Protein backbone atom coordinates (compact mmCIF):
# COMPACT_ATOMS: atom_id res chain seq x y z
CA UNK A 1 -59.76 16.68 45.52
CA UNK A 2 -57.23 18.43 43.27
CA UNK A 3 -58.42 19.15 39.73
CA UNK A 4 -56.39 17.64 36.88
CA UNK A 5 -54.28 19.86 34.65
CA UNK A 6 -55.16 17.79 31.55
CA UNK A 7 -57.76 19.49 29.38
CA UNK A 8 -59.13 19.09 25.87
CA UNK A 9 -58.62 21.63 23.11
CA UNK A 10 -60.37 20.27 20.01
CA UNK A 11 -59.44 23.35 17.98
CA UNK A 12 -55.83 22.11 18.00
CA UNK A 13 -56.45 18.41 17.37
CA UNK A 14 -55.91 18.48 13.62
CA UNK A 15 -52.71 20.51 13.73
CA UNK A 16 -51.34 18.75 16.81
CA UNK A 17 -52.33 15.11 16.34
CA UNK A 18 -53.61 14.29 12.84
CA UNK A 19 -50.22 13.34 11.35
CA UNK A 20 -49.15 11.04 14.17
CA UNK A 21 -52.62 9.46 14.50
CA UNK A 22 -52.65 8.91 10.73
CA UNK A 23 -49.18 7.30 10.85
CA UNK A 24 -50.35 4.99 13.64
CA UNK A 25 -53.52 4.04 11.75
CA UNK A 26 -51.51 3.45 8.54
CA UNK A 27 -49.12 1.21 10.44
CA UNK A 28 -52.05 -0.87 11.68
CA UNK A 29 -54.12 -1.00 8.46
CA UNK A 30 -51.77 -0.31 5.51
CA UNK A 31 -54.66 1.48 3.79
CA UNK A 32 -54.36 5.28 3.35
CA UNK A 33 -58.07 5.98 2.90
CA UNK A 34 -59.02 3.77 5.81
CA UNK A 35 -56.38 5.41 8.02
CA UNK A 36 -57.79 8.83 7.14
CA UNK A 37 -61.33 7.67 7.91
CA UNK A 38 -60.26 6.20 11.25
CA UNK A 39 -58.55 9.45 12.28
CA UNK A 40 -61.64 11.44 11.31
CA UNK A 41 -63.84 9.02 13.25
CA UNK A 42 -61.48 9.40 16.21
CA UNK A 43 -61.83 13.18 16.20
CA UNK A 44 -65.60 12.93 15.79
CA UNK A 45 -65.90 10.42 18.64
CA UNK A 46 -63.67 12.67 20.76
CA UNK A 47 -65.97 15.61 20.17
CA UNK A 48 -69.04 13.55 21.01
CA UNK A 49 -67.55 12.23 24.25
CA UNK A 50 -65.76 15.32 25.54
CA UNK A 51 -67.98 15.27 28.62
CA UNK A 52 -66.53 11.86 29.53
CA UNK A 53 -62.94 13.14 29.60
CA UNK A 54 -61.85 13.15 33.25
CA UNK A 55 -58.39 14.62 32.69
CA UNK A 56 -56.66 11.54 34.13
CA UNK A 57 -54.49 11.22 31.03
CA UNK A 58 -53.17 13.60 28.41
CA UNK A 59 -55.29 14.72 25.50
CA UNK A 60 -52.91 12.84 23.17
CA UNK A 61 -53.24 9.57 25.12
CA UNK A 62 -57.02 9.94 25.19
CA UNK A 63 -57.16 10.38 21.39
CA UNK A 64 -54.83 7.42 20.84
CA UNK A 65 -57.07 5.28 23.01
CA UNK A 66 -60.10 6.25 20.95
CA UNK A 67 -58.18 5.48 17.74
CA UNK A 68 -57.13 2.05 19.06
CA UNK A 69 -60.78 1.24 19.76
CA UNK A 70 -61.74 2.42 16.26
CA UNK A 71 -59.08 0.18 14.72
CA UNK A 72 -60.19 -2.78 16.86
CA UNK A 73 -63.82 -2.14 15.82
CA UNK A 74 -62.77 -2.08 12.17
CA UNK A 75 -61.00 -5.45 12.47
CA UNK A 76 -63.87 -6.93 14.48
CA UNK A 77 -66.43 -5.87 11.87
CA UNK A 78 -64.20 -6.98 9.01
CA UNK A 79 -63.73 -10.41 10.57
CA UNK A 80 -67.48 -11.07 10.73
CA UNK A 81 -67.66 -10.86 6.93
CA UNK A 82 -65.58 -14.02 6.56
CA UNK A 83 -66.39 -17.52 7.72
CA UNK A 84 -63.86 -20.23 8.38
CA UNK A 85 -64.55 -23.83 9.17
CA UNK A 86 -63.02 -25.80 12.03
CA UNK A 87 -61.37 -28.34 9.72
CA UNK A 88 -58.08 -29.97 10.70
CA UNK A 89 -55.87 -27.83 8.47
CA UNK A 90 -58.01 -27.59 5.39
CA UNK A 91 -55.90 -29.90 3.22
CA UNK A 92 -59.03 -30.81 1.32
CA UNK A 93 -59.48 -27.13 0.40
CA UNK A 94 -57.14 -27.44 -2.61
CA UNK A 95 -54.84 -24.78 -1.20
CA UNK A 96 -51.78 -24.61 -3.50
CA UNK A 97 -49.44 -23.54 -0.68
CA UNK A 98 -50.55 -26.39 1.56
CA UNK A 99 -50.41 -28.81 -1.38
CA UNK A 100 -46.82 -27.71 -2.10
CA UNK A 101 -45.56 -28.32 1.45
CA UNK A 102 -47.70 -31.26 2.62
CA UNK A 103 -48.84 -34.61 1.30
CA UNK A 104 -52.45 -35.81 1.58
CA UNK A 105 -51.78 -37.12 5.12
CA UNK A 106 -50.65 -33.67 6.28
CA UNK A 107 -46.98 -34.69 6.49
CA UNK A 108 -44.13 -32.53 5.17
CA UNK A 109 -43.16 -33.47 1.63
CA UNK A 110 -39.49 -34.28 1.09
CA UNK A 111 -37.24 -31.18 1.14
CA UNK A 112 -40.10 -28.79 2.01
CA UNK A 113 -39.80 -28.84 5.79
CA UNK A 114 -38.53 -25.83 7.73
CA UNK A 115 -34.90 -25.01 7.01
CA UNK A 116 -32.38 -22.24 7.59
CA UNK A 117 -32.61 -19.56 4.91
CA UNK A 118 -28.99 -18.54 5.45
CA UNK A 119 -29.85 -14.93 6.18
CA UNK A 120 -27.30 -12.74 7.94
CA UNK A 121 -29.63 -11.09 10.46
CA UNK A 122 -26.83 -8.80 11.65
CA UNK A 123 -26.81 -7.08 8.24
CA UNK A 124 -29.05 -4.03 8.35
CA UNK A 125 -29.43 -4.11 4.56
CA UNK A 126 -30.69 -7.69 4.58
CA UNK A 127 -32.96 -6.93 7.53
CA UNK A 128 -34.42 -3.91 5.73
CA UNK A 129 -34.94 -5.90 2.52
CA UNK A 130 -36.49 -8.78 4.45
CA UNK A 131 -38.77 -6.34 6.29
CA UNK A 132 -39.97 -4.82 3.02
CA UNK A 133 -40.49 -8.25 1.48
CA UNK A 134 -42.37 -9.42 4.57
CA UNK A 135 -44.64 -6.35 4.53
CA UNK A 136 -45.41 -6.95 0.85
CA UNK A 137 -46.17 -10.60 1.56
CA UNK A 138 -48.43 -9.71 4.51
CA UNK A 139 -50.38 -7.38 2.21
CA UNK A 140 -50.97 -10.30 -0.20
CA UNK A 141 -52.47 -12.57 2.48
CA UNK A 142 -56.20 -13.29 2.47
CA UNK A 143 -57.98 -10.70 4.60
CA UNK A 144 -58.59 -12.85 7.70
CA UNK A 145 -55.00 -14.11 7.75
CA UNK A 146 -53.66 -10.57 7.37
CA UNK A 147 -55.78 -9.34 10.26
CA UNK A 148 -54.60 -12.18 12.48
CA UNK A 149 -50.92 -11.69 11.61
CA UNK A 150 -51.13 -7.95 12.25
CA UNK A 151 -52.86 -8.39 15.59
CA UNK A 152 -50.80 -11.33 16.86
CA UNK A 153 -47.34 -10.86 15.41
CA UNK A 154 -47.17 -7.10 14.81
CA UNK A 155 -49.33 -5.81 17.66
CA UNK A 156 -48.25 -8.76 19.87
CA UNK A 157 -51.75 -9.19 21.26
CA UNK A 158 -52.51 -12.24 23.39
CA UNK A 159 -54.18 -15.15 21.59
CA UNK A 160 -57.36 -14.84 23.64
CA UNK A 161 -57.70 -11.16 22.71
CA UNK A 162 -57.06 -11.87 19.01
CA UNK A 163 -59.75 -14.58 19.05
CA UNK A 164 -62.19 -12.19 20.70
CA UNK A 165 -61.35 -9.32 18.32
CA UNK A 166 -61.78 -11.53 15.24
CA UNK A 167 -64.69 -13.51 16.69
CA UNK A 168 -63.00 -16.88 16.09
CA UNK A 169 -62.36 -19.99 18.16
CA UNK A 170 -58.88 -20.96 19.30
CA UNK A 171 -59.05 -23.88 16.85
CA UNK A 172 -59.73 -21.47 14.01
CA UNK A 173 -56.95 -19.23 15.31
CA UNK A 174 -54.36 -22.01 15.02
CA UNK A 175 -55.62 -23.05 11.57
CA UNK A 176 -55.53 -19.49 10.26
CA UNK A 177 -52.13 -18.61 11.71
CA UNK A 178 -50.65 -21.86 10.40
CA UNK A 179 -51.94 -21.14 6.90
CA UNK A 180 -50.76 -17.53 7.09
CA UNK A 181 -47.25 -18.54 8.16
CA UNK A 182 -47.03 -21.08 5.33
CA UNK A 183 -48.18 -18.51 2.80
CA UNK A 184 -45.72 -15.93 4.16
CA UNK A 185 -42.94 -18.49 3.92
CA UNK A 186 -43.82 -19.34 0.31
CA UNK A 187 -44.10 -15.66 -0.61
CA UNK A 188 -40.72 -14.84 0.96
CA UNK A 189 -39.05 -17.79 -0.73
CA UNK A 190 -40.48 -16.92 -4.14
CA UNK A 191 -40.25 -13.13 -4.04
CA UNK A 192 -37.16 -12.50 -1.96
CA UNK A 193 -34.90 -15.48 -1.39
CA UNK A 194 -35.01 -16.69 -4.98
CA UNK A 195 -34.52 -13.29 -6.63
C-alpha cells in the first residue's frame, strides 16, 4: 500500500491557517472572541489527535473538519440552554411581531401579508445594503432563532441535521423558523426599507 504524501506540521498551523480558520469561524458565529476560542480549540484538538491523522486529506482540510465539529458542538451546547414549547405558533406568548402581523386566530391582519418590497435585486448597491441590513437583523434575533437561521439558511443544512444539531423536534423547527422569518421581515422593513 502506497503511503500518503499528506503530513501534519503543527509548527506551521498558526502562520498557515489561523487567519482563514478565524474568518470561517467568524462567518459562522459573528463573535470575535468565540471565533478565536474555536480556532484555538481546533489547534489543541488537532495536536491531541495527531495520531489519528491518516493522511487521506490535506492538513488544511483536516483542520477545517475539526473546526466544523467545534462550531457544531458550540451550537449544540448553546441550544440546550434554551427551551421551546411545541405550541401552535405561540400567539399566546404576547410576541409583538406576531401580534403585529396576525390576529388572535392566527390569520394575517389586513395589509400585513407578504408583499413585494420593490427591490431591484440586479443592483449591486441595493444587494450589498440589503445584505448588511439582513446581517444586522440576524444578529438581533433571539439566540435559538439566530442559530437556526445560520444553520438552515446560511449553511444550507438539511432540516433533519439542524433539528439534531439544535436538539429540537421538527415541530419546534417550523415554529422557530417561522418566528425568525417574521422577525427578520419586521426588522428589514423598519431598519432598511423605511429609512
